[in-house]
PDB file of N, CA and C in Angstrom:
ATOM      1  N   MET A   1      80.596 -20.845  20.140  1.00  0.00           N
ATOM      2  CA  MET A   1      81.263 -20.153  21.225  1.00  0.00           C
ATOM      3  C   MET A   1      81.264 -18.652  20.910  1.00  0.00           C
ATOM      4  N   PRO A   2      80.829 -17.809  21.831  1.00  0.00           N
ATOM      5  CA  PRO A   2      80.789 -16.370  21.572  1.00  0.00           C
ATOM      6  C   PRO A   2      82.192 -15.774  21.523  1.00  0.00           C
ATOM      7  N   HIS A   3      82.318 -14.711  20.743  1.00  0.00           N
ATOM      8  CA  HIS A   3      83.594 -14.001  20.645  1.00  0.00           C
ATOM      9  C   HIS A   3      83.797 -13.197  21.922  1.00  0.00           C
ATOM     10  N   GLU A   4      84.942 -13.352  22.554  1.00  0.00           N
ATOM     11  CA  GLU A   4      85.211 -12.670  23.815  1.00  0.00           C
ATOM     12  C   GLU A   4      86.194 -11.528  23.612  1.00  0.00           C
ATOM     13  N   PHE A   5      85.996 -10.468  24.391  1.00  0.00           N
ATOM     14  CA  PHE A   5      86.848  -9.302  24.326  1.00  0.00           C
ATOM     15  C   PHE A   5      87.465  -9.029  25.686  1.00  0.00           C
ATOM     16  N   ASN A   6      88.629  -8.417  25.663  1.00  0.00           N
ATOM     17  CA  ASN A   6      89.317  -7.963  26.864  1.00  0.00           C
ATOM     18  C   ASN A   6      89.244  -6.444  26.893  1.00  0.00           C
ATOM     19  N   VAL A   7      89.257  -5.879  28.081  1.00  0.00           N
ATOM     20  CA  VAL A   7      89.199  -4.428  28.229  1.00  0.00           C
ATOM     21  C   VAL A   7      90.291  -3.990  29.202  1.00  0.00           C
ATOM     22  N   LEU A   8      91.027  -2.956  28.797  1.00  0.00           N
ATOM     23  CA  LEU A   8      91.982  -2.286  29.670  1.00  0.00           C
ATOM     24  C   LEU A   8      91.650  -0.806  29.639  1.00  0.00           C
ATOM     25  N   ALA A   9      91.749  -0.157  30.780  1.00  0.00           N
ATOM     26  CA  ALA A   9      91.457   1.274  30.846  1.00  0.00           C
ATOM     27  C   ALA A   9      92.486   1.970  31.722  1.00  0.00           C
ATOM     28  N   LEU A  10      92.811   3.189  31.324  1.00  0.00           N
ATOM     29  CA  LEU A  10      93.721   4.040  32.083  1.00  0.00           C
ATOM     30  C   LEU A  10      93.084   5.414  32.163  1.00  0.00           C
ATOM     31  N   ILE A  11      92.968   5.942  33.366  1.00  0.00           N
ATOM     32  CA  ILE A  11      92.411   7.276  33.570  1.00  0.00           C
ATOM     33  C   ILE A  11      93.528   8.167  34.088  1.00  0.00           C
ATOM     34  N   LYS A  12      93.794   9.241  33.345  1.00  0.00           N
ATOM     35  CA  LYS A  12      94.829  10.209  33.716  1.00  0.00           C
ATOM     36  C   LYS A  12      94.173  11.577  33.745  1.00  0.00           C
ATOM     37  N   GLY A  13      93.817  12.036  34.929  1.00  0.00           N
ATOM     38  CA  GLY A  13      93.135  13.325  35.039  1.00  0.00           C
ATOM     39  C   GLY A  13      91.829  13.296  34.266  1.00  0.00           C
ATOM     40  N   GLN A  14      91.701  14.174  33.293  1.00  0.00           N
ATOM     41  CA  GLN A  14      90.490  14.234  32.482  1.00  0.00           C
ATOM     42  C   GLN A  14      90.539  13.293  31.275  1.00  0.00           C
ATOM     43  N   GLU A  15      91.690  12.683  31.024  1.00  0.00           N
ATOM     44  CA  GLU A  15      91.845  11.815  29.859  1.00  0.00           C
ATOM     45  C   GLU A  15      91.501  10.375  30.195  1.00  0.00           C
ATOM     46  N   ARG A  16      90.925   9.692  29.205  1.00  0.00           N
ATOM     47  CA  ARG A  16      90.555   8.285  29.346  1.00  0.00           C
ATOM     48  C   ARG A  16      91.165   7.515  28.183  1.00  0.00           C
ATOM     49  N   TYR A  17      91.911   6.499  28.495  1.00  0.00           N
ATOM     50  CA  TYR A  17      92.457   5.588  27.484  1.00  0.00           C
ATOM     51  C   TYR A  17      91.781   4.247  27.711  1.00  0.00           C
ATOM     52  N   ILE A  18      90.962   3.821  26.760  1.00  0.00           N
ATOM     53  CA  ILE A  18      90.202   2.581  26.898  1.00  0.00           C
ATOM     54  C   ILE A  18      90.502   1.703  25.688  1.00  0.00           C
ATOM     55  N   TYR A  19      90.887   0.476  25.958  1.00  0.00           N
ATOM     56  CA  TYR A  19      91.280  -0.467  24.915  1.00  0.00           C
ATOM     57  C   TYR A  19      90.391  -1.705  25.013  1.00  0.00           C
ATOM     58  N   VAL A  20      89.754  -2.039  23.921  1.00  0.00           N
ATOM     59  CA  VAL A  20      88.934  -3.248  23.812  1.00  0.00           C
ATOM     60  C   VAL A  20      89.583  -4.091  22.723  1.00  0.00           C
ATOM     61  N   TYR A  21      89.947  -5.313  23.048  1.00  0.00           N
ATOM     62  CA  TYR A  21      90.678  -6.139  22.099  1.00  0.00           C
ATOM     63  C   TYR A  21      90.378  -7.610  22.359  1.00  0.00           C
ATOM     64  N   ASP A  22      90.643  -8.433  21.363  1.00  0.00           N
ATOM     65  CA  ASP A  22      90.515  -9.878  21.557  1.00  0.00           C
ATOM     66  C   ASP A  22      91.917 -10.472  21.644  1.00  0.00           C
ATOM     67  N   ASP A  23      91.990 -11.751  21.969  1.00  0.00           N
ATOM     68  CA  ASP A  23      93.291 -12.394  22.165  1.00  0.00           C
ATOM     69  C   ASP A  23      94.144 -12.357  20.899  1.00  0.00           C
ATOM     70  N   ALA A  24      93.508 -12.436  19.739  1.00  0.00           N
ATOM     71  CA  ALA A  24      94.242 -12.447  18.472  1.00  0.00           C
ATOM     72  C   ALA A  24      94.881 -11.097  18.161  1.00  0.00           C
ATOM     73  N   SER A  25      94.403 -10.029  18.764  1.00  0.00           N
ATOM     74  CA  SER A  25      94.940  -8.696  18.469  1.00  0.00           C
ATOM     75  C   SER A  25      95.825  -8.146  19.586  1.00  0.00           C
ATOM     76  N   ARG A  26      96.284  -9.001  20.475  1.00  0.00           N
ATOM     77  CA  ARG A  26      97.124  -8.545  21.593  1.00  0.00           C
ATOM     78  C   ARG A  26      98.427  -7.901  21.095  1.00  0.00           C
ATOM     79  N   ARG A  27      99.044  -8.462  20.056  1.00  0.00           N
ATOM     80  CA  ARG A  27     100.284  -7.898  19.513  1.00  0.00           C
ATOM     81  C   ARG A  27     100.038  -6.474  19.020  1.00  0.00           C
ATOM     82  N   GLU A  28      98.933  -6.247  18.312  1.00  0.00           N
ATOM     83  CA  GLU A  28      98.603  -4.909  17.822  1.00  0.00           C
ATOM     84  C   GLU A  28      98.344  -3.949  18.987  1.00  0.00           C
ATOM     85  N   LEU A  29      97.752  -4.464  20.052  1.00  0.00           N
ATOM     86  CA  LEU A  29      97.518  -3.644  21.248  1.00  0.00           C
ATOM     87  C   LEU A  29      98.844  -3.152  21.819  1.00  0.00           C
ATOM     88  N   LEU A  30      99.795  -4.061  21.972  1.00  0.00           N
ATOM     89  CA  LEU A  30     101.100  -3.683  22.509  1.00  0.00           C
ATOM     90  C   LEU A  30     101.807  -2.695  21.588  1.00  0.00           C
ATOM     91  N   ASP A  31     101.657  -2.880  20.281  1.00  0.00           N
ATOM     92  CA  ASP A  31     102.230  -1.928  19.323  1.00  0.00           C
ATOM     93  C   ASP A  31     101.594  -0.544  19.485  1.00  0.00           C
ATOM     94  N   SER A  32     100.287  -0.499  19.733  1.00  0.00           N
ATOM     95  CA  SER A  32      99.625   0.800  19.885  1.00  0.00           C
ATOM     96  C   SER A  32     100.074   1.491  21.175  1.00  0.00           C
ATOM     97  N   PHE A  33     100.349   0.729  22.236  1.00  0.00           N
ATOM     98  CA  PHE A  33     100.899   1.334  23.449  1.00  0.00           C
ATOM     99  C   PHE A  33     102.226   2.023  23.128  1.00  0.00           C
ATOM    100  N   ARG A  34     103.078   1.318  22.391  1.00  0.00           N
ATOM    101  CA  ARG A  34     104.384   1.872  22.022  1.00  0.00           C
ATOM    102  C   ARG A  34     104.218   3.141  21.192  1.00  0.00           C
ATOM    103  N   ASP A  35     103.333   3.084  20.201  1.00  0.00           N
ATOM    104  CA  ASP A  35     103.128   4.240  19.328  1.00  0.00           C
ATOM    105  C   ASP A  35     102.585   5.438  20.098  1.00  0.00           C
ATOM    106  N   GLN A  36     101.660   5.189  21.008  1.00  0.00           N
ATOM    107  CA  GLN A  36     101.081   6.292  21.780  1.00  0.00           C
ATOM    108  C   GLN A  36     102.089   6.873  22.767  1.00  0.00           C
ATOM    109  N   ALA A  37     102.921   6.031  23.351  1.00  0.00           N
ATOM    110  CA  ALA A  37     103.943   6.529  24.282  1.00  0.00           C
ATOM    111  C   ALA A  37     104.978   7.397  23.552  1.00  0.00           C
ATOM    112  N   ALA A  38     105.220   7.099  22.285  1.00  0.00           N
ATOM    113  CA  ALA A  38     106.194   7.861  21.499  1.00  0.00           C
ATOM    114  C   ALA A  38     105.608   9.163  20.954  1.00  0.00           C
ATOM    115  N   ASP A  39     104.305   9.337  21.053  1.00  0.00           N
ATOM    116  CA  ASP A  39     103.643  10.528  20.511  1.00  0.00           C
ATOM    117  C   ASP A  39     103.729  11.676  21.520  1.00  0.00           C
ATOM    118  N   PRO A  40     104.463  12.740  21.199  1.00  0.00           N
ATOM    119  CA  PRO A  40     104.623  13.843  22.158  1.00  0.00           C
ATOM    120  C   PRO A  40     103.337  14.649  22.385  1.00  0.00           C
ATOM    121  N   ASP A  41     102.337  14.450  21.542  1.00  0.00           N
ATOM    122  CA  ASP A  41     101.070  15.168  21.700  1.00  0.00           C
ATOM    123  C   ASP A  41     100.128  14.498  22.700  1.00  0.00           C
ATOM    124  N   LEU A  42     100.497  13.317  23.161  1.00  0.00           N
ATOM    125  CA  LEU A  42      99.669  12.592  24.126  1.00  0.00           C
ATOM    126  C   LEU A  42     100.337  12.595  25.498  1.00  0.00           C
ATOM    127  N   SER A  43      99.530  12.508  26.542  1.00  0.00           N
ATOM    128  CA  SER A  43     100.079  12.413  27.895  1.00  0.00           C
ATOM    129  C   SER A  43     100.424  10.961  28.249  1.00  0.00           C
ATOM    130  N   PHE A  44     100.118  10.028  27.364  1.00  0.00           N
ATOM    131  CA  PHE A  44     100.397   8.607  27.563  1.00  0.00           C
ATOM    132  C   PHE A  44     101.910   8.414  27.577  1.00  0.00           C
ATOM    133  N   SER A  45     102.426   7.915  28.701  1.00  0.00           N
ATOM    134  CA  SER A  45     103.881   7.821  28.892  1.00  0.00           C
ATOM    135  C   SER A  45     104.384   6.394  28.677  1.00  0.00           C
ATOM    136  N   TRP A  46     105.709   6.278  28.667  1.00  0.00           N
ATOM    137  CA  TRP A  46     106.314   4.942  28.569  1.00  0.00           C
ATOM    138  C   TRP A  46     105.981   4.109  29.804  1.00  0.00           C
ATOM    139  N   PHE A  47     105.872   4.760  30.953  1.00  0.00           N
ATOM    140  CA  PHE A  47     105.463   4.044  32.157  1.00  0.00           C
ATOM    141  C   PHE A  47     104.050   3.496  31.984  1.00  0.00           C
ATOM    142  N   ASP A  48     103.129   4.315  31.449  1.00  0.00           N
ATOM    143  CA  ASP A  48     101.759   3.855  31.193  1.00  0.00           C
ATOM    144  C   ASP A  48     101.771   2.647  30.251  1.00  0.00           C
ATOM    145  N   ALA A  49     102.598   2.725  29.206  1.00  0.00           N
ATOM    146  CA  ALA A  49     102.697   1.625  28.246  1.00  0.00           C
ATOM    147  C   ALA A  49     103.192   0.349  28.929  1.00  0.00           C
ATOM    148  N   ALA A  50     104.166   0.480  29.804  1.00  0.00           N
ATOM    149  CA  ALA A  50     104.706  -0.691  30.507  1.00  0.00           C
ATOM    150  C   ALA A  50     103.664  -1.309  31.432  1.00  0.00           C
ATOM    151  N   VAL A  51     102.954  -0.469  32.178  1.00  0.00           N
ATOM    152  CA  VAL A  51     101.946  -0.971  33.114  1.00  0.00           C
ATOM    153  C   VAL A  51     100.819  -1.675  32.356  1.00  0.00           C
ATOM    154  N   LEU A  52     100.316  -1.048  31.295  1.00  0.00           N
ATOM    155  CA  LEU A  52      99.216  -1.658  30.539  1.00  0.00           C
ATOM    156  C   LEU A  52      99.676  -2.916  29.804  1.00  0.00           C
ATOM    157  N   SER A  53     100.920  -2.938  29.346  1.00  0.00           N
ATOM    158  CA  SER A  53     101.460  -4.148  28.714  1.00  0.00           C
ATOM    159  C   SER A  53     101.486  -5.304  29.709  1.00  0.00           C
ATOM    160  N   ASP A  54     101.913  -5.024  30.925  1.00  0.00           N
ATOM    161  CA  ASP A  54     101.912  -6.058  31.968  1.00  0.00           C
ATOM    162  C   ASP A  54     100.500  -6.551  32.250  1.00  0.00           C
ATOM    163  N   LYS A  55      99.544  -5.625  32.306  1.00  0.00           N
ATOM    164  CA  LYS A  55      98.146  -6.014  32.557  1.00  0.00           C
ATOM    165  C   LYS A  55      97.610  -6.882  31.427  1.00  0.00           C
ATOM    166  N   ALA A  56      97.959  -6.549  30.183  1.00  0.00           N
ATOM    167  CA  ALA A  56      97.510  -7.353  29.042  1.00  0.00           C
ATOM    168  C   ALA A  56      98.101  -8.753  29.111  1.00  0.00           C
ATOM    169  N   ARG A  57      99.361  -8.851  29.504  1.00  0.00           N
ATOM    170  CA  ARG A  57      99.988 -10.170  29.643  1.00  0.00           C
ATOM    171  C   ARG A  57      99.341 -10.960  30.787  1.00  0.00           C
ATOM    172  N   GLU A  58      99.010 -10.292  31.879  1.00  0.00           N
ATOM    173  CA  GLU A  58      98.325 -10.953  32.990  1.00  0.00           C
ATOM    174  C   GLU A  58      96.971 -11.500  32.528  1.00  0.00           C
ATOM    175  N   GLN A  59      96.255 -10.715  31.737  1.00  0.00           N
ATOM    176  CA  GLN A  59      94.962 -11.186  31.226  1.00  0.00           C
ATOM    177  C   GLN A  59      95.148 -12.434  30.376  1.00  0.00           C
ATOM    178  N   ALA A  60      96.213 -12.479  29.590  1.00  0.00           N
ATOM    179  CA  ALA A  60      96.467 -13.623  28.716  1.00  0.00           C
ATOM    180  C   ALA A  60      96.807 -14.872  29.519  1.00  0.00           C
ATOM    181  N   LEU A  61      97.463 -14.690  30.654  1.00  0.00           N
ATOM    182  CA  LEU A  61      97.907 -15.824  31.469  1.00  0.00           C
ATOM    183  C   LEU A  61      96.895 -16.243  32.524  1.00  0.00           C
ATOM    184  N   SER A  62      95.869 -15.446  32.715  1.00  0.00           N
ATOM    185  CA  SER A  62      94.892 -15.710  33.760  1.00  0.00           C
ATOM    186  C   SER A  62      94.185 -17.043  33.513  1.00  0.00           C
ATOM    187  N   PRO A  63      94.251 -17.974  34.487  1.00  0.00           N
ATOM    188  CA  PRO A  63      93.589 -19.268  34.304  1.00  0.00           C
ATOM    189  C   PRO A  63      92.071 -19.155  34.302  1.00  0.00           C
ATOM    190  N   ASP A  64      91.554 -18.117  34.904  1.00  0.00           N
ATOM    191  CA  ASP A  64      90.106 -17.938  34.978  1.00  0.00           C
ATOM    192  C   ASP A  64      89.738 -16.649  34.242  1.00  0.00           C
ATOM    193  N   ALA A  65      90.126 -16.574  32.980  1.00  0.00           N
ATOM    194  CA  ALA A  65      89.935 -15.344  32.202  1.00  0.00           C
ATOM    195  C   ALA A  65      88.470 -15.001  31.998  1.00  0.00           C
ATOM    196  N   ASP A  66      87.566 -15.979  32.153  1.00  0.00           N
ATOM    197  CA  ASP A  66      86.142 -15.718  31.939  1.00  0.00           C
ATOM    198  C   ASP A  66      85.504 -14.984  33.107  1.00  0.00           C
ATOM    199  N   ALA A  67      86.078 -15.116  34.288  1.00  0.00           N
ATOM    200  CA  ALA A  67      85.483 -14.482  35.468  1.00  0.00           C
ATOM    201  C   ALA A  67      86.110 -13.113  35.686  1.00  0.00           C
ATOM    202  N   PRO A  68      85.286 -12.078  35.872  1.00  0.00           N
ATOM    203  CA  PRO A  68      85.852 -10.755  36.115  1.00  0.00           C
ATOM    204  C   PRO A  68      86.566 -10.706  37.458  1.00  0.00           C
ATOM    205  N   GLU A  69      87.644  -9.959  37.492  1.00  0.00           N
ATOM    206  CA  GLU A  69      88.408  -9.805  38.732  1.00  0.00           C
ATOM    207  C   GLU A  69      87.682  -8.822  39.629  1.00  0.00           C
ATOM    208  N   ALA A  70      87.591  -9.143  40.903  1.00  0.00           N
ATOM    209  CA  ALA A  70      86.950  -8.240  41.850  1.00  0.00           C
ATOM    210  C   ALA A  70      87.853  -7.027  42.060  1.00  0.00           C
ATOM    211  N   PRO A  71      87.272  -5.833  42.088  1.00  0.00           N
ATOM    212  CA  PRO A  71      88.095  -4.640  42.324  1.00  0.00           C
ATOM    213  C   PRO A  71      88.746  -4.689  43.694  1.00  0.00           C
ATOM    214  N   ARG A  72      89.970  -4.198  43.746  1.00  0.00           N
ATOM    215  CA  ARG A  72      90.687  -4.165  45.017  1.00  0.00           C
ATOM    216  C   ARG A  72      90.731  -2.721  45.486  1.00  0.00           C
ATOM    217  N   VAL A  73      90.542  -2.542  46.754  1.00  0.00           N
ATOM    218  CA  VAL A  73      90.586  -1.196  47.340  1.00  0.00           C
ATOM    219  C   VAL A  73      91.993  -0.656  47.160  1.00  0.00           C
ATOM    220  N   GLY A  74      92.080   0.543  46.595  1.00  0.00           N
ATOM    221  CA  GLY A  74      93.369   1.189  46.425  1.00  0.00           C
ATOM    222  C   GLY A  74      94.167   0.672  45.254  1.00  0.00           C
ATOM    223  N   SER A  75      93.582  -0.192  44.397  1.00  0.00           N
ATOM    224  CA  SER A  75      94.354  -0.713  43.273  1.00  0.00           C
ATOM    225  C   SER A  75      94.435   0.337  42.180  1.00  0.00           C
ATOM    226  N   ARG A  76      95.515   0.256  41.410  1.00  0.00           N
ATOM    227  CA  ARG A  76      95.734   1.181  40.305  1.00  0.00           C
ATOM    228  C   ARG A  76      96.067   0.380  39.065  1.00  0.00           C
ATOM    229  N   LEU A  77      95.835   0.998  37.924  1.00  0.00           N
ATOM    230  CA  LEU A  77      96.266   0.389  36.660  1.00  0.00           C
ATOM    231  C   LEU A  77      97.715   0.691  36.452  1.00  0.00           C
TER     232      LEU A  77
END
C-alpha cells in the first residue's frame, strides 16, 4: 500500500503556508499551527490556526479520503 499524504494550504496576500503531512503526524501538525500562531513575527493568526485545525480534522473524518474534493466556487480555507 503506498504511503499517502494530506495537504493543507493557506494563502494570505503574498504569503503561502503549505502543510504536507500523513495521518500519523496530525498531532504534530496541530502543534505547529499553535506554535506559528503564537509567533509574533508571522502573520499566521489564531483564527488561521483554528480554521486549518478544523480542515485537518475534516480530512481525518472524511469517508472518501482517497478522492480529492472538487473545488467550490467562493470557498475559502
